[in-house]
C-alpha cells in the first residue's frame, strides 16, 4: 500500500512534465498501456503489472533492483525482509514474524528481553505489569476471638493494578494481630494481655501441684509413724509375755508344798 501511494505521487510529478496528460483523462485505458502493464495512468506510468512482471516506480520489470524482492501476490518489488520476518516495511522493520518468534519494535525476538513477557495470542513481546496496592486502612476495633479476654483486630488494603502473568505478584492485602478485650470480668484488670493470664494460670497450677506433693509427703510420714508405733507395741507385748513366763518358771517351792501327808 505504501508503494502504491508513492506510485501515485510519482504519477502526479510525471504528469506535470508529460504533455499528453490531461486532468480529466481517465486512467486504466488499455490502449495507452504498454504490453507489460495490466493497468496504467498513461503509457509511461503503469499502476499494475501483468503476470511475470513487477511494478517499481511506475515501471513493470521482470527483475527487481537490489534490496527488493518480487512479490507474486502484489506483482510489485517489495523490500527484502530479514530471515526471521514473514512481512516487513523494509529490511529493518518487520510487521509479522515467523512462527515461534515474538515481535518487539519491528524486530523479531526468540526470547523477550527483561521487563517484557511473550504474548502467545499476539505473538508480541508486551511489557510486564507489576502488582500495585493502596495504603493500609486503619486497624479495626478489637473484637472477641478465641479464649475469653482475647481478641483480634485487622486492617486491609486494595489491589490497584493486577499483575500480568510474569509480573510481580501482589503482597498480602490483610493483616491481623492480637489485642486484649476490655471487659470487667477479665482477670488482671484493664491492660492485662493473654500472655499474663496464661502465666497466672501456670503459677496457680504450680502452687496446686506443690501443695499436692507436700500433702502426699505428710501422708507418707504419718503412715511410717503408724507402722513404727504398731511394731513398738507388738515388741512391748512380746517382751511382757516373755517376762511373765520366765517369772512363772522361777517361783520358789512353798514349805507346805514339801510336807508329806
C-alpha atoms as a PDB file:
ATOM      1  CA  UNK A   1       0.000   0.000   0.000  1.00  0.00           C
ATOM      2  CA  UNK A   2       2.824   2.389   0.803  1.00  0.00           C
ATOM      3  CA  UNK A   3       4.404   1.689  -2.545  1.00  0.00           C
ATOM      4  CA  UNK A   4       1.124   2.418  -4.300  1.00  0.00           C
ATOM      5  CA  UNK A   5       0.879   5.812  -2.609  1.00  0.00           C
ATOM      6  CA  UNK A   6       4.431   6.563  -3.730  1.00  0.00           C
ATOM      7  CA  UNK A   7       3.465   5.476  -7.221  1.00  0.00           C
ATOM      8  CA  UNK A   8       0.544   7.921  -7.365  1.00  0.00           C
ATOM      9  CA  UNK A   9       2.779  10.740  -6.205  1.00  0.00           C
ATOM     10  CA  UNK A  10       5.214   9.919  -8.962  1.00  0.00           C
ATOM     11  CA  UNK A  11       2.290   9.861 -11.402  1.00  0.00           C
ATOM     12  CA  UNK A  12       1.409  13.423 -10.496  1.00  0.00           C
ATOM     13  CA  UNK A  13       5.026  14.556 -10.830  1.00  0.00           C
ATOM     14  CA  UNK A  14       5.327  12.782 -14.138  1.00  0.00           C
ATOM     15  CA  UNK A  15       2.080  14.324 -15.339  1.00  0.00           C
ATOM     16  CA  UNK A  16       3.496  17.774 -14.870  1.00  0.00           C
ATOM     17  CA  UNK A  17       6.181  17.063 -17.490  1.00  0.00           C
ATOM     18  CA  UNK A  18       4.154  14.896 -19.818  1.00  0.00           C
ATOM     19  CA  UNK A  19       2.272  16.776 -22.482  1.00  0.00           C
ATOM     20  CA  UNK A  20      -0.268  14.039 -23.122  1.00  0.00           C
ATOM     21  CA  UNK A  21      -1.507  14.078 -19.556  1.00  0.00           C
ATOM     22  CA  UNK A  22      -4.832  15.799 -19.129  1.00  0.00           C
ATOM     23  CA  UNK A  23      -6.572  16.377 -15.761  1.00  0.00           C
ATOM     24  CA  UNK A  24      -9.799  14.842 -16.973  1.00  0.00           C
ATOM     25  CA  UNK A  25      -8.205  11.893 -18.730  1.00  0.00           C
ATOM     26  CA  UNK A  26      -9.413   8.550 -17.458  1.00  0.00           C
ATOM     27  CA  UNK A  27      -6.846   6.060 -16.105  1.00  0.00           C
ATOM     28  CA  UNK A  28      -6.762   2.360 -16.873  1.00  0.00           C
ATOM     29  CA  UNK A  29      -7.135   2.818 -20.573  1.00  0.00           C
ATOM     30  CA  UNK A  30      -5.606  -0.343 -22.097  1.00  0.00           C
ATOM     31  CA  UNK A  31      -4.807   1.334 -25.398  1.00  0.00           C
ATOM     32  CA  UNK A  32      -2.447   3.687 -23.609  1.00  0.00           C
ATOM     33  CA  UNK A  33      -0.698   0.947 -21.558  1.00  0.00           C
ATOM     34  CA  UNK A  34       2.418  -0.879 -22.545  1.00  0.00           C
ATOM     35  CA  UNK A  35       2.210  -4.600 -23.106  1.00  0.00           C
ATOM     36  CA  UNK A  36       3.706  -5.440 -19.693  1.00  0.00           C
ATOM     37  CA  UNK A  37       1.130  -3.238 -17.902  1.00  0.00           C
ATOM     38  CA  UNK A  38      -2.186  -4.561 -16.715  1.00  0.00           C
ATOM     39  CA  UNK A  39      -3.372  -1.020 -15.965  1.00  0.00           C
ATOM     40  CA  UNK A  40      -1.730   2.383 -16.231  1.00  0.00           C
ATOM     41  CA  UNK A  41      -2.173   6.065 -15.679  1.00  0.00           C
ATOM     42  CA  UNK A  42      -0.649   6.748 -19.073  1.00  0.00           C
ATOM     43  CA  UNK A  43       1.657   4.986 -21.464  1.00  0.00           C
ATOM     44  CA  UNK A  44       4.764   5.838 -19.456  1.00  0.00           C
ATOM     45  CA  UNK A  45       3.370   5.049 -15.964  1.00  0.00           C
ATOM     46  CA  UNK A  46       1.948   1.681 -15.028  1.00  0.00           C
ATOM     47  CA  UNK A  47      -0.194   1.171 -11.932  1.00  0.00           C
ATOM     48  CA  UNK A  48      -0.365  -2.660 -12.099  1.00  0.00           C
ATOM     49  CA  UNK A  49       1.724  -5.169 -13.986  1.00  0.00           C
ATOM     50  CA  UNK A  50       0.807  -8.283 -15.885  1.00  0.00           C
ATOM     51  CA  UNK A  51       1.795 -11.722 -14.510  1.00  0.00           C
ATOM     52  CA  UNK A  52       5.550 -12.241 -14.604  1.00  0.00           C
ATOM     53  CA  UNK A  53       6.311  -8.514 -14.232  1.00  0.00           C
ATOM     54  CA  UNK A  54       6.753  -6.478 -11.056  1.00  0.00           C
ATOM     55  CA  UNK A  55       5.946  -2.818 -10.527  1.00  0.00           C
ATOM     56  CA  UNK A  56       8.637  -0.436  -9.383  1.00  0.00           C
ATOM     57  CA  UNK A  57       8.302   3.349  -9.670  1.00  0.00           C
ATOM     58  CA  UNK A  58       5.634   3.073 -12.385  1.00  0.00           C
ATOM     59  CA  UNK A  59       7.599   0.601 -14.434  1.00  0.00           C
ATOM     60  CA  UNK A  60       6.896  -3.086 -14.896  1.00  0.00           C
ATOM     61  CA  UNK A  61      10.044  -5.176 -14.979  1.00  0.00           C
ATOM     62  CA  UNK A  62      10.940  -8.829 -14.758  1.00  0.00           C
ATOM     63  CA  UNK A  63      13.626  -8.361 -12.109  1.00  0.00           C
ATOM     64  CA  UNK A  64      13.680  -6.057  -9.109  1.00  0.00           C
ATOM     65  CA  UNK A  65      16.501  -3.701  -8.154  1.00  0.00           C
ATOM     66  CA  UNK A  66      18.994  -4.641  -5.437  1.00  0.00           C
ATOM     67  CA  UNK A  67      17.477  -4.679  -1.963  1.00  0.00           C
ATOM     68  CA  UNK A  68      13.987  -5.510  -3.282  1.00  0.00           C
ATOM     69  CA  UNK A  69      12.369  -8.836  -3.994  1.00  0.00           C
ATOM     70  CA  UNK A  70       9.458  -9.900  -6.182  1.00  0.00           C
ATOM     71  CA  UNK A  71       6.004 -10.308  -4.674  1.00  0.00           C
ATOM     72  CA  UNK A  72       3.795 -12.526  -6.793  1.00  0.00           C
ATOM     73  CA  UNK A  73       0.660 -11.611  -4.851  1.00  0.00           C
ATOM     74  CA  UNK A  74       1.145  -7.856  -5.215  1.00  0.00           C
ATOM     75  CA  UNK A  75       3.108  -8.041  -8.507  1.00  0.00           C
ATOM     76  CA  UNK A  76       5.425  -5.458  -7.051  1.00  0.00           C
ATOM     77  CA  UNK A  77       9.008  -5.137  -5.955  1.00  0.00           C
ATOM     78  CA  UNK A  78       8.925  -5.119  -2.167  1.00  0.00           C
ATOM     79  CA  UNK A  79      11.696  -4.705   0.422  1.00  0.00           C
ATOM     80  CA  UNK A  80      13.687  -7.814   1.206  1.00  0.00           C
ATOM     81  CA  UNK A  81      12.723  -8.870   4.743  1.00  0.00           C
ATOM     82  CA  UNK A  82      15.136 -10.286   7.303  1.00  0.00           C
ATOM     83  CA  UNK A  83      15.125 -14.065   7.585  1.00  0.00           C
ATOM     84  CA  UNK A  84      13.015 -14.050  10.776  1.00  0.00           C
ATOM     85  CA  UNK A  85      10.266 -11.893   9.208  1.00  0.00           C
ATOM     86  CA  UNK A  86       7.246 -13.041   7.258  1.00  0.00           C
ATOM     87  CA  UNK A  87       6.417  -9.475   6.218  1.00  0.00           C
ATOM     88  CA  UNK A  88       8.180  -6.180   6.680  1.00  0.00           C
ATOM     89  CA  UNK A  89       8.164  -2.478   5.814  1.00  0.00           C
ATOM     90  CA  UNK A  90      11.827  -2.531   4.919  1.00  0.00           C
ATOM     91  CA  UNK A  91      14.948  -4.509   5.647  1.00  0.00           C
ATOM     92  CA  UNK A  92      14.972  -3.358   9.258  1.00  0.00           C
ATOM     93  CA  UNK A  93      11.286  -3.220  10.284  1.00  0.00           C
ATOM     94  CA  UNK A  94       9.160  -6.362  10.474  1.00  0.00           C
ATOM     95  CA  UNK A  95       5.395  -6.268  10.564  1.00  0.00           C
ATOM     96  CA  UNK A  96       4.952 -10.007  11.202  1.00  0.00           C
ATOM     97  CA  UNK A  97       7.418 -12.602  12.475  1.00  0.00           C
ATOM     98  CA  UNK A  98       7.835 -16.202  11.522  1.00  0.00           C
ATOM     99  CA  UNK A  99       6.124 -18.822  13.753  1.00  0.00           C
ATOM    100  CA  UNK A 100       7.692 -19.149  17.196  1.00  0.00           C
ATOM    101  CA  UNK A 101       9.119 -15.622  17.233  1.00  0.00           C
ATOM    102  CA  UNK A 102       7.792 -12.543  19.022  1.00  0.00           C
ATOM    103  CA  UNK A 103       7.711  -9.055  17.555  1.00  0.00           C
ATOM    104  CA  UNK A 104       9.082  -6.096  19.506  1.00  0.00           C
ATOM    105  CA  UNK A 105       9.636  -2.648  17.985  1.00  0.00           C
ATOM    106  CA  UNK A 106       9.843  -4.015  14.436  1.00  0.00           C
ATOM    107  CA  UNK A 107      12.273  -6.782  15.384  1.00  0.00           C
ATOM    108  CA  UNK A 108      11.640 -10.492  15.877  1.00  0.00           C
ATOM    109  CA  UNK A 109      12.782 -11.983  19.173  1.00  0.00           C
ATOM    110  CA  UNK A 110      13.368 -15.601  20.148  1.00  0.00           C
ATOM    111  CA  UNK A 111      13.220 -14.623  23.835  1.00  0.00           C
ATOM    112  CA  UNK A 112      11.631 -11.436  25.114  1.00  0.00           C
ATOM    113  CA  UNK A 113      14.081  -9.107  26.901  1.00  0.00           C
ATOM    114  CA  UNK A 114      13.927  -8.199  30.581  1.00  0.00           C
ATOM    115  CA  UNK A 115      10.757  -6.426  31.756  1.00  0.00           C
ATOM    116  CA  UNK A 116       8.858  -7.939  28.781  1.00  0.00           C
ATOM    117  CA  UNK A 117       6.906 -11.175  28.513  1.00  0.00           C
ATOM    118  CA  UNK A 118       5.709 -13.210  25.495  1.00  0.00           C
ATOM    119  CA  UNK A 119       2.106 -12.834  24.389  1.00  0.00           C
ATOM    120  CA  UNK A 120       1.258 -16.045  22.542  1.00  0.00           C
ATOM    121  CA  UNK A 121      -2.026 -14.626  21.267  1.00  0.00           C
ATOM    122  CA  UNK A 122      -0.499 -11.549  19.623  1.00  0.00           C
ATOM    123  CA  UNK A 123       2.953 -13.139  19.155  1.00  0.00           C
ATOM    124  CA  UNK A 124       4.474  -9.983  20.566  1.00  0.00           C
ATOM    125  CA  UNK A 125       6.681  -9.061  23.495  1.00  0.00           C
ATOM    126  CA  UNK A 126       4.478  -6.988  25.789  1.00  0.00           C
ATOM    127  CA  UNK A 127       5.662  -5.022  28.864  1.00  0.00           C
ATOM    128  CA  UNK A 128       5.327  -6.785  32.191  1.00  0.00           C
ATOM    129  CA  UNK A 129       2.761  -5.315  34.571  1.00  0.00           C
ATOM    130  CA  UNK A 130       3.601  -5.471  38.278  1.00  0.00           C
ATOM    131  CA  UNK A 131       1.003  -5.506  41.044  1.00  0.00           C
ATOM    132  CA  UNK A 132       0.251  -2.216  42.773  1.00  0.00           C
ATOM    133  CA  UNK A 133      -1.575  -1.922  46.085  1.00  0.00           C
ATOM    134  CA  UNK A 134      -3.012   1.001  48.006  1.00  0.00           C
ATOM    135  CA  UNK A 135      -2.346   2.239  51.541  1.00  0.00           C
ATOM    136  CA  UNK A 136      -3.293   0.256  54.641  1.00  0.00           C
ATOM    137  CA  UNK A 137      -6.626   1.030  56.238  1.00  0.00           C
ATOM    138  CA  UNK A 138      -6.974   1.856  59.943  1.00  0.00           C
ATOM    139  CA  UNK A 139      -6.994  -1.048  62.392  1.00  0.00           C
ATOM    140  CA  UNK A 140     -10.488  -2.342  63.089  1.00  0.00           C
ATOM    141  CA  UNK A 141     -11.905  -2.295  66.640  1.00  0.00           C
ATOM    142  CA  UNK A 142     -10.742  -5.166  68.833  1.00  0.00           C
ATOM    143  CA  UNK A 143     -13.296  -7.980  68.605  1.00  0.00           C
ATOM    144  CA  UNK A 144     -13.503 -11.096  70.777  1.00  0.00           C
ATOM    145  CA  UNK A 145     -11.857 -14.137  69.254  1.00  0.00           C
ATOM    146  CA  UNK A 146     -10.978 -17.478  70.778  1.00  0.00           C
ATOM    147  CA  UNK A 147     -10.411 -17.563  74.554  1.00  0.00           C
ATOM    148  CA  UNK A 148     -12.051 -15.103  76.973  1.00  0.00           C
ATOM    149  CA  UNK A 149     -10.395 -11.693  77.191  1.00  0.00           C
ATOM    150  CA  UNK A 150      -8.545 -12.396  73.894  1.00  0.00           C
ATOM    151  CA  UNK A 151      -9.402 -10.526  70.692  1.00  0.00           C
ATOM    152  CA  UNK A 152      -8.022  -9.524  67.346  1.00  0.00           C
ATOM    153  CA  UNK A 153      -8.055  -6.519  65.050  1.00  0.00           C
ATOM    154  CA  UNK A 154      -7.445  -6.364  61.308  1.00  0.00           C
ATOM    155  CA  UNK A 155      -6.515  -3.940  58.541  1.00  0.00           C
ATOM    156  CA  UNK A 156      -6.681  -4.255  54.749  1.00  0.00           C
ATOM    157  CA  UNK A 157      -5.502  -2.626  51.528  1.00  0.00           C
ATOM    158  CA  UNK A 158      -6.835  -2.767  47.963  1.00  0.00           C
ATOM    159  CA  UNK A 159      -5.196  -4.009  44.760  1.00  0.00           C
ATOM    160  CA  UNK A 160      -4.914  -1.056  42.380  1.00  0.00           C
ATOM    161  CA  UNK A 161      -3.268  -2.842  39.424  1.00  0.00           C
ATOM    162  CA  UNK A 162      -3.465  -6.587  38.760  1.00  0.00           C
ATOM    163  CA  UNK A 163      -0.157  -8.137  37.640  1.00  0.00           C
ATOM    164  CA  UNK A 164       0.452  -9.727  34.267  1.00  0.00           C
ATOM    165  CA  UNK A 165       1.310 -13.462  34.181  1.00  0.00           C
ATOM    166  CA  UNK A 166       5.046 -12.829  34.701  1.00  0.00           C
ATOM    167  CA  UNK A 167       4.728  -9.577  36.651  1.00  0.00           C
ATOM    168  CA  UNK A 168       5.483  -9.232  40.359  1.00  0.00           C
ATOM    169  CA  UNK A 169       2.613 -10.784  42.364  1.00  0.00           C
ATOM    170  CA  UNK A 170       0.594  -8.864  44.944  1.00  0.00           C
ATOM    171  CA  UNK A 171       1.749  -8.796  48.576  1.00  0.00           C
ATOM    172  CA  UNK A 172      -0.570  -9.566  51.492  1.00  0.00           C
ATOM    173  CA  UNK A 173      -3.686  -7.438  51.422  1.00  0.00           C
ATOM    174  CA  UNK A 174      -4.794  -8.113  55.022  1.00  0.00           C
ATOM    175  CA  UNK A 175      -3.104  -8.269  58.422  1.00  0.00           C
ATOM    176  CA  UNK A 176      -4.327  -9.485  61.829  1.00  0.00           C
ATOM    177  CA  UNK A 177      -2.913  -9.023  65.318  1.00  0.00           C
ATOM    178  CA  UNK A 178      -4.000  -9.962  68.837  1.00  0.00           C
ATOM    179  CA  UNK A 179      -5.421  -7.430  71.224  1.00  0.00           C
ATOM    180  CA  UNK A 180      -6.856  -7.503  74.790  1.00  0.00           C
ATOM    181  CA  UNK A 181     -10.641  -7.355  75.069  1.00  0.00           C
ATOM    182  CA  UNK A 182     -11.690  -4.675  77.560  1.00  0.00           C
ATOM    183  CA  UNK A 183     -14.195  -6.421  79.852  1.00  0.00           C
ATOM    184  CA  UNK A 184     -14.824  -6.196  83.612  1.00  0.00           C
ATOM    185  CA  UNK A 185     -14.627  -9.965  84.049  1.00  0.00           C
ATOM    186  CA  UNK A 186     -11.178 -10.178  82.520  1.00  0.00           C
ATOM    187  CA  UNK A 187      -8.657 -11.092  85.248  1.00  0.00           C
ATOM    188  CA  UNK A 188      -5.770  -8.752  85.876  1.00  0.00           C
ATOM    189  CA  UNK A 189      -7.782  -5.634  85.114  1.00  0.00           C
ATOM    190  CA  UNK A 190      -7.588  -3.494  82.033  1.00  0.00           C
ATOM    191  CA  UNK A 191      -4.346  -3.767  80.183  1.00  0.00           C
ATOM    192  CA  UNK A 192      -3.611  -7.423  81.120  1.00  0.00           C
ATOM    193  CA  UNK A 193      -2.968  -9.403  77.967  1.00  0.00           C
ATOM    194  CA  UNK A 194      -3.377 -13.059  77.184  1.00  0.00           C
ATOM    195  CA  UNK A 195       0.220 -13.840  77.977  1.00  0.00           C
ATOM    196  CA  UNK A 196      -0.145 -12.528  81.521  1.00  0.00           C
ATOM    197  CA  UNK A 197      -3.290 -14.568  82.013  1.00  0.00           C
ATOM    198  CA  UNK A 198      -1.545 -17.690  80.842  1.00  0.00           C
ATOM    199  CA  UNK A 199       1.337 -17.035  83.210  1.00  0.00           C
ATOM    200  CA  UNK A 200      -1.084 -16.639  86.135  1.00  0.00           C
ATOM    201  CA  UNK A 201      -2.763 -19.937  85.302  1.00  0.00           C
ATOM    202  CA  UNK A 202       0.591 -21.675  85.173  1.00  0.00           C
ATOM    203  CA  UNK A 203       1.562 -20.213  88.551  1.00  0.00           C
ATOM    204  CA  UNK A 204      -1.671 -21.425  90.086  1.00  0.00           C
ATOM    205  CA  UNK A 205      -1.098 -24.904  88.683  1.00  0.00           C
ATOM    206  CA  UNK A 206       2.430 -24.947  90.096  1.00  0.00           C
ATOM    207  CA  UNK A 207       1.170 -23.986  93.552  1.00  0.00           C
ATOM    208  CA  UNK A 208      -1.529 -26.634  93.439  1.00  0.00           C
ATOM    209  CA  UNK A 209       0.982 -29.267  92.398  1.00  0.00           C
ATOM    210  CA  UNK A 210       3.340 -28.256  95.202  1.00  0.00           C
ATOM    211  CA  UNK A 211       0.540 -28.472  97.756  1.00  0.00           C
ATOM    212  CA  UNK A 212      -0.424 -31.924  96.479  1.00  0.00           C
ATOM    213  CA  UNK A 213       3.196 -33.084  96.760  1.00  0.00           C
ATOM    214  CA  UNK A 214       3.507 -31.754 100.312  1.00  0.00           C
ATOM    215  CA  UNK A 215       0.266 -33.449 101.362  1.00  0.00           C
ATOM    216  CA  UNK A 216       1.473 -36.744  99.915  1.00  0.00           C
ATOM    217  CA  UNK A 217       4.732 -36.384 101.793  1.00  0.00           C
ATOM    218  CA  UNK A 218       2.911 -35.745 105.063  1.00  0.00           C
ATOM    219  CA  UNK A 219       0.706 -38.765 104.442  1.00  0.00           C
ATOM    220  CA  UNK A 220       3.745 -40.978 103.912  1.00  0.00           C
ATOM    221  CA  UNK A 221       5.287 -39.676 107.142  1.00  0.00           C
ATOM    222  CA  UNK A 222       2.106 -40.420 109.069  1.00  0.00           C
ATOM    223  CA  UNK A 223       1.994 -43.887 107.577  1.00  0.00           C
ATOM    224  CA  UNK A 224       5.570 -44.573 108.639  1.00  0.00           C
ATOM    225  CA  UNK A 225       4.798 -43.381 112.183  1.00  0.00           C
ATOM    226  CA  UNK A 226       1.771 -45.635 112.391  1.00  0.00           C
ATOM    227  CA  UNK A 227       3.805 -48.603 111.210  1.00  0.00           C
ATOM    228  CA  UNK A 228       6.599 -47.812 113.676  1.00  0.00           C
ATOM    229  CA  UNK A 229       4.143 -47.450 116.583  1.00  0.00           C
ATOM    230  CA  UNK A 230       2.490 -50.738 115.780  1.00  0.00           C
ATOM    231  CA  UNK A 231       5.832 -52.510 115.686  1.00  0.00           C
ATOM    232  CA  UNK A 232       6.843 -50.995 119.031  1.00  0.00           C
ATOM    233  CA  UNK A 233       3.537 -52.066 120.649  1.00  0.00           C
ATOM    234  CA  UNK A 234       3.974 -55.571 119.337  1.00  0.00           C
ATOM    235  CA  UNK A 235       7.525 -55.746 120.678  1.00  0.00           C
ATOM    236  CA  UNK A 236       6.452 -54.479 124.074  1.00  0.00           C
ATOM    237  CA  UNK A 237       3.677 -57.081 124.300  1.00  0.00           C
ATOM    238  CA  UNK A 238       6.082 -59.820 123.351  1.00  0.00           C
ATOM    239  CA  UNK A 239       8.586 -58.693 125.972  1.00  0.00           C
ATOM    240  CA  UNK A 240       5.911 -58.538 128.684  1.00  0.00           C
ATOM    241  CA  UNK A 241       4.660 -62.022 127.892  1.00  0.00           C
ATOM    242  CA  UNK A 242       8.188 -63.343 127.886  1.00  0.00           C
ATOM    243  CA  UNK A 243       8.969 -61.866 131.289  1.00  0.00           C
ATOM    244  CA  UNK A 244       5.713 -63.234 132.651  1.00  0.00           C
ATOM    245  CA  UNK A 245       6.551 -66.772 131.517  1.00  0.00           C
ATOM    246  CA  UNK A 246      10.038 -66.554 132.966  1.00  0.00           C
ATOM    247  CA  UNK A 247       8.621 -65.352 136.284  1.00  0.00           C
ATOM    248  CA  UNK A 248       6.335 -68.382 136.499  1.00  0.00           C
ATOM    249  CA  UNK A 249       9.155 -70.784 135.834  1.00  0.00           C
ATOM    250  CA  UNK A 250      11.449 -69.419 138.633  1.00  0.00           C
ATOM    251  CA  UNK A 251       8.906 -69.126 141.546  1.00  0.00           C
ATOM    252  CA  UNK A 252      10.308 -70.931 144.897  1.00  0.00           C
ATOM    253  CA  UNK A 253       8.501 -74.062 146.368  1.00  0.00           C
ATOM    254  CA  UNK A 254       6.419 -73.384 149.474  1.00  0.00           C
ATOM    255  CA  UNK A 255       7.393 -75.376 152.732  1.00  0.00           C
ATOM    256  CA  UNK A 256       3.902 -76.591 152.971  1.00  0.00           C
ATOM    257  CA  UNK A 257       4.096 -77.932 149.488  1.00  0.00           C
ATOM    258  CA  UNK A 258       7.011 -80.193 150.678  1.00  0.00           C
ATOM    259  CA  UNK A 259       5.233 -81.836 153.713  1.00  0.00           C
ATOM    260  CA  UNK A 260       4.332 -85.459 153.309  1.00  0.00           C
ATOM    261  CA  UNK A 261       0.808 -86.349 154.298  1.00  0.00           C
END
